[in-house]
Amino acid sequence: MVGDKGNAQVTQSGEEIVRLQKVQVVPLERVTRFHGWLGRKRRSRQACRVVGESRTGKTVACQTYASQYPPSQQEGEPPIVPVLYWHAPEDSGPRDLFDGIFDGVNYQLKRGTISEVRRRVYEVLRSCQVEMLLIDEAHRIRPKTFSDIRDIFDKLGISVVLIGTDRLDAVVRRDEQIYNRFMACHRFERMNRSDLKVSTGLW
């Protein structure tokens, strides 16, 4: 009997270790509200931005939202990608943006002038029925690249979401046309003690 009890405890401990090793997303109320806000922007095809300090959970919250709308595909048809997420590298130019979009829908295009690639991006976004484009670390993007981001919103009616630190506000405000389109903003704050207590209990 003692041996059986000991084995049961070991098994339970092993299962708990496996659970803790998995990547887990804690369903905080503020994240649920944020996802609701994103949902309204997606349905109304509005451009917006999400701003907050580093390590406040912006990236995980946005990736989790995108995972709620996974790609689907029927044989012989292009994939349907309702929500496309792209993490911008440092000093991102137009080609980085376009390559990120192609990678997000598993489309291969390695050659062509920037104009040809831009035109193909529009075709791919339409055929994949993208409703929302989440651009993380948007404060890293070169100023001239925002013209292409603006055109994606204007020409395709896709909800484009810029995600970044407070530096993003300074970048966006440099261009009145960009700022006017991305005026809607969600502020992502750090977790307070109440949030931390709830998340620890859920975890």
C-alpha atoms as a PDB file:
ATOM      1  CA  MET A   1       0.000   0.000   0.000  1.00  0.00           C
ATOM      2  CA  VAL A   2       2.814   2.380   0.842  1.00  0.00           C
ATOM      3  CA  GLY A   3       4.478   1.612  -2.441  1.00  0.00           C
ATOM      4  CA  ASP A   4       1.283   2.291  -4.415  1.00  0.00           C
ATOM      5  CA  LYS A   5       0.801   5.592  -2.613  1.00  0.00           C
ATOM      6  CA  GLY A   6       4.378   6.591  -3.309  1.00  0.00           C
ATOM      7  CA  ASN A   7       4.042   5.740  -7.000  1.00  0.00           C
ATOM      8  CA  ALA A   8       0.841   7.784  -7.217  1.00  0.00           C
ATOM      9  CA  GLN A   9       2.604  10.783  -5.698  1.00  0.00           C
ATOM     10  CA  VAL A  10       5.508  10.443  -8.131  1.00  0.00           C
ATOM     11  CA  THR A  11       3.101  10.221 -11.078  1.00  0.00           C
ATOM     12  CA  GLN A  12       1.190  13.270  -9.890  1.00  0.00           C
ATOM     13  CA  SER A  13       4.425  15.216  -9.415  1.00  0.00           C
ATOM     14  CA  GLY A  14       5.562  14.242 -12.901  1.00  0.00           C
ATOM     15  CA  GLU A  15       2.286  15.416 -14.426  1.00  0.00           C
ATOM     16  CA  GLU A  16       2.584  18.707 -12.551  1.00  0.00           C
ATOM     17  CA  ILE A  17       6.114  19.248 -13.865  1.00  0.00           C
ATOM     18  CA  VAL A  18       4.920  18.628 -17.429  1.00  0.00           C
ATOM     19  CA  ARG A  19       2.079  21.124 -16.922  1.00  0.00           C
ATOM     20  CA  LEU A  20       4.417  23.802 -15.599  1.00  0.00           C
ATOM     21  CA  GLN A  21       6.848  23.279 -18.486  1.00  0.00           C
ATOM     22  CA  LYS A  22       4.168  24.036 -21.048  1.00  0.00           C
ATOM     23  CA  VAL A  23       3.667  27.567 -22.350  1.00  0.00           C
ATOM     24  CA  GLN A  24       0.532  28.778 -20.643  1.00  0.00           C
ATOM     25  CA  VAL A  25      -1.575  31.874 -21.188  1.00  0.00           C
ATOM     26  CA  VAL A  26      -3.387  33.084 -18.101  1.00  0.00           C
ATOM     27  CA  PRO A  27      -6.853  34.483 -19.022  1.00  0.00           C
ATOM     28  CA  LEU A  28      -6.663  37.823 -17.203  1.00  0.00           C
ATOM     29  CA  GLU A  29      -9.684  40.093 -17.395  1.00  0.00           C
ATOM     30  CA  ARG A  30      -7.612  42.902 -18.913  1.00  0.00           C
ATOM     31  CA  VAL A  31      -6.451  40.582 -21.720  1.00  0.00           C
ATOM     32  CA  THR A  32     -10.034  39.497 -22.354  1.00  0.00           C
ATOM     33  CA  ARG A  33     -11.053  43.157 -22.623  1.00  0.00           C
ATOM     34  CA  PHE A  34      -8.128  43.819 -24.952  1.00  0.00           C
ATOM     35  CA  HIS A  35      -9.124  40.926 -27.204  1.00  0.00           C
ATOM     36  CA  GLY A  36     -12.657  42.323 -27.303  1.00  0.00           C
ATOM     37  CA  TRP A  37     -11.242  45.696 -28.351  1.00  0.00           C
ATOM     38  CA  LEU A  38      -9.199  44.055 -31.121  1.00  0.00           C
ATOM     39  CA  GLY A  39     -12.262  42.135 -32.251  1.00  0.00           C
ATOM     40  CA  ARG A  40     -14.245  45.338 -32.694  1.00  0.00           C
ATOM     41  CA  LYS A  41     -11.406  46.884 -34.698  1.00  0.00           C
ATOM     42  CA  ARG A  42     -11.172  43.794 -36.901  1.00  0.00           C
ATOM     43  CA  ARG A  43     -14.901  43.653 -37.604  1.00  0.00           C
ATOM     44  CA  SER A  44     -15.062  47.364 -38.419  1.00  0.00           C
ATOM     45  CA  ARG A  45     -11.776  47.226 -40.387  1.00  0.00           C
ATOM     46  CA  GLN A  46     -10.240  50.065 -38.367  1.00  0.00           C
ATOM     47  CA  ALA A  47      -6.551  50.891 -38.091  1.00  0.00           C
ATOM     48  CA  CYS A  48      -5.205  51.345 -34.570  1.00  0.00           C
ATOM     49  CA  ARG A  49      -2.152  51.044 -32.366  1.00  0.00           C
ATOM     50  CA  VAL A  50      -1.279  49.278 -29.113  1.00  0.00           C
ATOM     51  CA  VAL A  51       1.289  51.003 -26.912  1.00  0.00           C
ATOM     52  CA  GLY A  52       2.976  50.013 -23.666  1.00  0.00           C
ATOM     53  CA  GLU A  53       6.291  49.581 -21.913  1.00  0.00           C
ATOM     54  CA  SER A  54       8.482  46.585 -22.672  1.00  0.00           C
ATOM     55  CA  ARG A  55       7.523  43.305 -20.998  1.00  0.00           C
ATOM     56  CA  THR A  56       3.939  44.237 -20.256  1.00  0.00           C
ATOM     57  CA  GLY A  57       2.506  41.292 -22.221  1.00  0.00           C
ATOM     58  CA  LYS A  58       1.612  43.044 -25.490  1.00  0.00           C
ATOM     59  CA  THR A  59       3.247  40.425 -27.684  1.00  0.00           C
ATOM     60  CA  VAL A  60       1.745  37.405 -25.915  1.00  0.00           C
ATOM     61  CA  ALA A  61      -1.709  39.018 -25.860  1.00  0.00           C
ATOM     62  CA  CYS A  62      -1.558  39.739 -29.602  1.00  0.00           C
ATOM     63  CA  GLN A  63      -0.179  36.310 -30.488  1.00  0.00           C
ATOM     64  CA  THR A  64      -2.907  34.704 -28.395  1.00  0.00           C
ATOM     65  CA  TYR A  65      -5.547  36.729 -30.224  1.00  0.00           C
ATOM     66  CA  ALA A  66      -4.142  35.640 -33.592  1.00  0.00           C
ATOM     67  CA  SER A  67      -4.135  31.995 -32.454  1.00  0.00           C
ATOM     68  CA  GLN A  68      -7.891  32.217 -31.901  1.00  0.00           C
ATOM     69  CA  TYR A  69      -8.293  32.612 -35.686  1.00  0.00           C
ATOM     70  CA  PRO A  70      -6.033  29.884 -37.128  1.00  0.00           C
ATOM     71  CA  PRO A  71      -5.473  29.565 -40.883  1.00  0.00           C
ATOM     72  CA  SER A  72      -7.588  27.081 -42.810  1.00  0.00           C
ATOM     73  CA  GLN A  73      -7.229  25.709 -46.313  1.00  0.00           C
ATOM     74  CA  GLN A  74      -9.106  23.533 -48.757  1.00  0.00           C
ATOM     75  CA  GLU A  75      -7.293  21.485 -51.358  1.00  0.00           C
ATOM     76  CA  GLY A  76      -6.375  23.541 -54.396  1.00  0.00           C
ATOM     77  CA  GLU A  77      -7.310  26.829 -52.732  1.00  0.00           C
ATOM     78  CA  PRO A  78      -5.152  29.513 -51.089  1.00  0.00           C
ATOM     79  CA  PRO A  79      -5.123  29.472 -47.287  1.00  0.00           C
ATOM     80  CA  ILE A  80      -7.634  31.620 -45.418  1.00  0.00           C
ATOM     81  CA  VAL A  81      -5.742  33.684 -42.819  1.00  0.00           C
ATOM     82  CA  PRO A  82      -8.170  35.911 -40.878  1.00  0.00           C
ATOM     83  CA  VAL A  83      -5.508  37.391 -38.576  1.00  0.00           C
ATOM     84  CA  LEU A  84      -1.875  37.723 -39.639  1.00  0.00           C
ATOM     85  CA  TYR A  85       0.869  38.459 -37.089  1.00  0.00           C
ATOM     86  CA  TRP A  86       4.316  39.833 -37.995  1.00  0.00           C
ATOM     87  CA  HIS A  87       7.188  40.623 -35.631  1.00  0.00           C
ATOM     88  CA  ALA A  88       9.196  43.446 -37.218  1.00  0.00           C
ATOM     89  CA  PRO A  89      13.000  43.149 -37.101  1.00  0.00           C
ATOM     90  CA  GLU A  90      15.196  46.132 -36.317  1.00  0.00           C
ATOM     91  CA  ASP A  91      15.246  48.870 -38.994  1.00  0.00           C
ATOM     92  CA  SER A  92      12.543  47.185 -41.088  1.00  0.00           C
ATOM     93  CA  GLY A  93      12.131  48.391 -44.647  1.00  0.00           C
ATOM     94  CA  PRO A  94       9.337  47.737 -47.170  1.00  0.00           C
ATOM     95  CA  ARG A  95      10.861  44.461 -48.323  1.00  0.00           C
ATOM     96  CA  ASP A  96      11.028  43.207 -44.730  1.00  0.00           C
ATOM     97  CA  LEU A  97       7.325  43.979 -44.379  1.00  0.00           C
ATOM     98  CA  PHE A  98       6.452  42.200 -47.608  1.00  0.00           C
ATOM     99  CA  ASP A  99       8.605  39.161 -46.796  1.00  0.00           C
ATOM    100  CA  GLY A 100       6.982  38.977 -43.362  1.00  0.00           C
ATOM    101  CA  ILE A 101       3.532  38.905 -44.948  1.00  0.00           C
ATOM    102  CA  PHE A 102       4.588  36.212 -47.426  1.00  0.00           C
ATOM    103  CA  ASP A 103       6.068  34.105 -44.625  1.00  0.00           C
ATOM    104  CA  GLY A 104       2.871  34.487 -42.602  1.00  0.00           C
ATOM    105  CA  VAL A 105       0.811  32.868 -45.361  1.00  0.00           C
ATOM    106  CA  ASN A 106       3.557  30.443 -46.495  1.00  0.00           C
ATOM    107  CA  TYR A 107       3.916  32.088 -49.893  1.00  0.00           C
ATOM    108  CA  GLN A 108       7.246  31.875 -51.694  1.00  0.00           C
ATOM    109  CA  LEU A 109       8.400  34.869 -53.734  1.00  0.00           C
ATOM    110  CA  LYS A 110      12.105  35.621 -53.872  1.00  0.00           C
ATOM    111  CA  ARG A 111      12.460  37.751 -56.993  1.00  0.00           C
ATOM    112  CA  GLY A 112      10.963  40.866 -58.482  1.00  0.00           C
ATOM    113  CA  THR A 113      11.196  44.626 -58.236  1.00  0.00           C
ATOM    114  CA  ILE A 114       9.766  46.315 -55.169  1.00  0.00           C
ATOM    115  CA  SER A 115       6.757  47.417 -57.249  1.00  0.00           C
ATOM    116  CA  GLU A 116       6.121  43.859 -58.437  1.00  0.00           C
ATOM    117  CA  VAL A 117       6.451  42.489 -54.913  1.00  0.00           C
ATOM    118  CA  ARG A 118       4.127  45.183 -53.555  1.00  0.00           C
ATOM    119  CA  ARG A 119       1.481  44.294 -56.141  1.00  0.00           C
ATOM    120  CA  ARG A 120       1.825  40.613 -55.299  1.00  0.00           C
ATOM    121  CA  VAL A 121       1.409  41.387 -51.590  1.00  0.00           C
ATOM    122  CA  TYR A 122      -1.942  43.023 -52.322  1.00  0.00           C
ATOM    123  CA  GLU A 123      -3.045  39.979 -54.316  1.00  0.00           C
ATOM    124  CA  VAL A 124      -1.959  37.570 -51.573  1.00  0.00           C
ATOM    125  CA  LEU A 125      -3.688  39.539 -48.812  1.00  0.00           C
ATOM    126  CA  ARG A 126      -6.906  39.568 -50.855  1.00  0.00           C
ATOM    127  CA  SER A 127      -6.792  35.881 -51.802  1.00  0.00           C
ATOM    128  CA  CYS A 128      -6.028  34.864 -48.199  1.00  0.00           C
ATOM    129  CA  GLN A 129      -8.927  37.033 -46.981  1.00  0.00           C
ATOM    130  CA  VAL A 130      -6.798  38.694 -44.302  1.00  0.00           C
ATOM    131  CA  GLU A 131      -8.995  40.805 -42.027  1.00  0.00           C
ATOM    132  CA  MET A 132      -6.372  42.038 -39.562  1.00  0.00           C
ATOM    133  CA  LEU A 133      -2.613  42.560 -39.776  1.00  0.00           C
ATOM    134  CA  LEU A 134      -0.829  42.730 -36.412  1.00  0.00           C
ATOM    135  CA  ILE A 135       2.584  44.426 -36.682  1.00  0.00           C
ATOM    136  CA  ASP A 136       4.608  43.923 -33.508  1.00  0.00           C
ATOM    137  CA  GLU A 137       7.640  46.057 -32.559  1.00  0.00           C
ATOM    138  CA  ALA A 138       6.354  48.664 -35.017  1.00  0.00           C
ATOM    139  CA  HIS A 139       8.633  51.312 -33.484  1.00  0.00           C
ATOM    140  CA  ARG A 140      11.511  49.508 -35.248  1.00  0.00           C
ATOM    141  CA  ILE A 141      10.109  50.227 -38.707  1.00  0.00           C
ATOM    142  CA  ARG A 142      11.749  52.793 -40.973  1.00  0.00           C
ATOM    143  CA  PRO A 143       9.624  55.921 -41.479  1.00  0.00           C
ATOM    144  CA  LYS A 144       9.240  55.357 -45.232  1.00  0.00           C
ATOM    145  CA  THR A 145       7.792  51.878 -44.630  1.00  0.00           C
ATOM    146  CA  PHE A 146       4.731  53.400 -42.981  1.00  0.00           C
ATOM    147  CA  SER A 147       3.575  54.561 -46.428  1.00  0.00           C
ATOM    148  CA  ASP A 148       3.197  50.926 -47.484  1.00  0.00           C
ATOM    149  CA  ILE A 149       1.420  50.097 -44.225  1.00  0.00           C
ATOM    150  CA  ARG A 150      -0.954  53.005 -44.807  1.00  0.00           C
ATOM    151  CA  ASP A 151      -1.643  51.828 -48.363  1.00  0.00           C
ATOM    152  CA  ILE A 152      -2.482  48.301 -47.177  1.00  0.00           C
ATOM    153  CA  PHE A 153      -5.106  49.822 -44.911  1.00  0.00           C
ATOM    154  CA  ASP A 154      -6.404  52.290 -47.502  1.00  0.00           C
ATOM    155  CA  LYS A 155      -6.482  50.024 -50.553  1.00  0.00           C
ATOM    156  CA  LEU A 156      -7.464  46.697 -49.021  1.00  0.00           C
ATOM    157  CA  GLY A 157      -9.628  47.729 -46.084  1.00  0.00           C
ATOM    158  CA  ILE A 158      -7.611  45.560 -43.698  1.00  0.00           C
ATOM    159  CA  SER A 159      -7.493  46.417 -40.005  1.00  0.00           C
ATOM    160  CA  VAL A 160      -3.811  47.194 -39.407  1.00  0.00           C
ATOM    161  CA  VAL A 161      -2.616  47.201 -35.794  1.00  0.00           C
ATOM    162  CA  LEU A 162       0.709  48.797 -34.857  1.00  0.00           C
ATOM    163  CA  ILE A 163       2.149  47.407 -31.621  1.00  0.00           C
ATOM    164  CA  GLY A 164       5.110  48.948 -29.825  1.00  0.00           C
ATOM    165  CA  THR A 165       6.618  50.931 -26.985  1.00  0.00           C
ATOM    166  CA  ASP A 166       6.089  54.629 -26.347  1.00  0.00           C
ATOM    167  CA  ARG A 167       8.614  55.258 -29.120  1.00  0.00           C
ATOM    168  CA  LEU A 168       5.876  54.246 -31.554  1.00  0.00           C
ATOM    169  CA  ASP A 169       3.829  57.325 -30.655  1.00  0.00           C
ATOM    170  CA  ALA A 170       6.741  59.584 -31.562  1.00  0.00           C
ATOM    171  CA  VAL A 171       7.253  57.762 -34.870  1.00  0.00           C
ATOM    172  CA  VAL A 172       3.568  57.880 -35.840  1.00  0.00           C
ATOM    173  CA  ARG A 173       3.159  61.553 -34.962  1.00  0.00           C
ATOM    174  CA  ARG A 174       5.877  62.549 -37.433  1.00  0.00           C
ATOM    175  CA  ASP A 175       3.471  61.967 -40.322  1.00  0.00           C
ATOM    176  CA  GLU A 176       0.034  63.543 -40.032  1.00  0.00           C
ATOM    177  CA  GLN A 177      -1.514  61.119 -42.531  1.00  0.00           C
ATOM    178  CA  ILE A 178      -0.231  58.123 -40.581  1.00  0.00           C
ATOM    179  CA  TYR A 179      -1.279  59.550 -37.225  1.00  0.00           C
ATOM    180  CA  ASN A 180      -4.803  60.350 -38.453  1.00  0.00           C
ATOM    181  CA  ARG A 181      -5.301  56.748 -39.554  1.00  0.00           C
ATOM    182  CA  PHE A 182      -3.842  55.197 -36.407  1.00  0.00           C
ATOM    183  CA  MET A 183      -5.350  57.590 -33.902  1.00  0.00           C
ATOM    184  CA  ALA A 184      -7.275  54.864 -32.049  1.00  0.00           C
ATOM    185  CA  CYS A 185      -4.981  53.576 -29.309  1.00  0.00           C
ATOM    186  CA  HIS A 186      -5.040  50.955 -26.552  1.00  0.00           C
ATOM    187  CA  ARG A 187      -2.656  51.508 -23.650  1.00  0.00           C
ATOM    188  CA  PHE A 188      -1.186  48.264 -22.289  1.00  0.00           C
ATOM    189  CA  GLU A 189      -0.270  48.821 -18.636  1.00  0.00           C
ATOM    190  CA  ARG A 190       1.911  46.734 -16.353  1.00  0.00           C
ATOM    191  CA  MET A 191       0.166  44.202 -14.118  1.00  0.00           C
ATOM    192  CA  ASN A 192      -0.866  45.599 -10.758  1.00  0.00           C
ATOM    193  CA  ARG A 193      -0.910  43.623  -7.515  1.00  0.00           C
ATOM    194  CA  SER A 194      -4.487  42.503  -8.070  1.00  0.00           C
ATOM    195  CA  ASP A 195      -3.699  41.149 -11.560  1.00  0.00           C
ATOM    196  CA  LEU A 196      -0.599  39.400 -10.249  1.00  0.00           C
ATOM    197  CA  LYS A 197      -2.574  37.776  -7.448  1.00  0.00           C
ATOM    198  CA  VAL A 198      -5.258  36.553  -9.859  1.00  0.00           C
ATOM    199  CA  SER A 199      -2.735  35.256 -12.410  1.00  0.00           C
ATOM    200  CA  THR A 200      -0.797  33.382  -9.728  1.00  0.00           C
ATOM    201  CA  GLY A 201      -3.991  31.737  -8.494  1.00  0.00           C
ATOM    202  CA  LEU A 202      -5.040  30.703 -12.015  1.00  0.00           C
ATOM    203  CA  TRP A 203      -1.583  29.405 -12.840  1.00  0.00           C
END
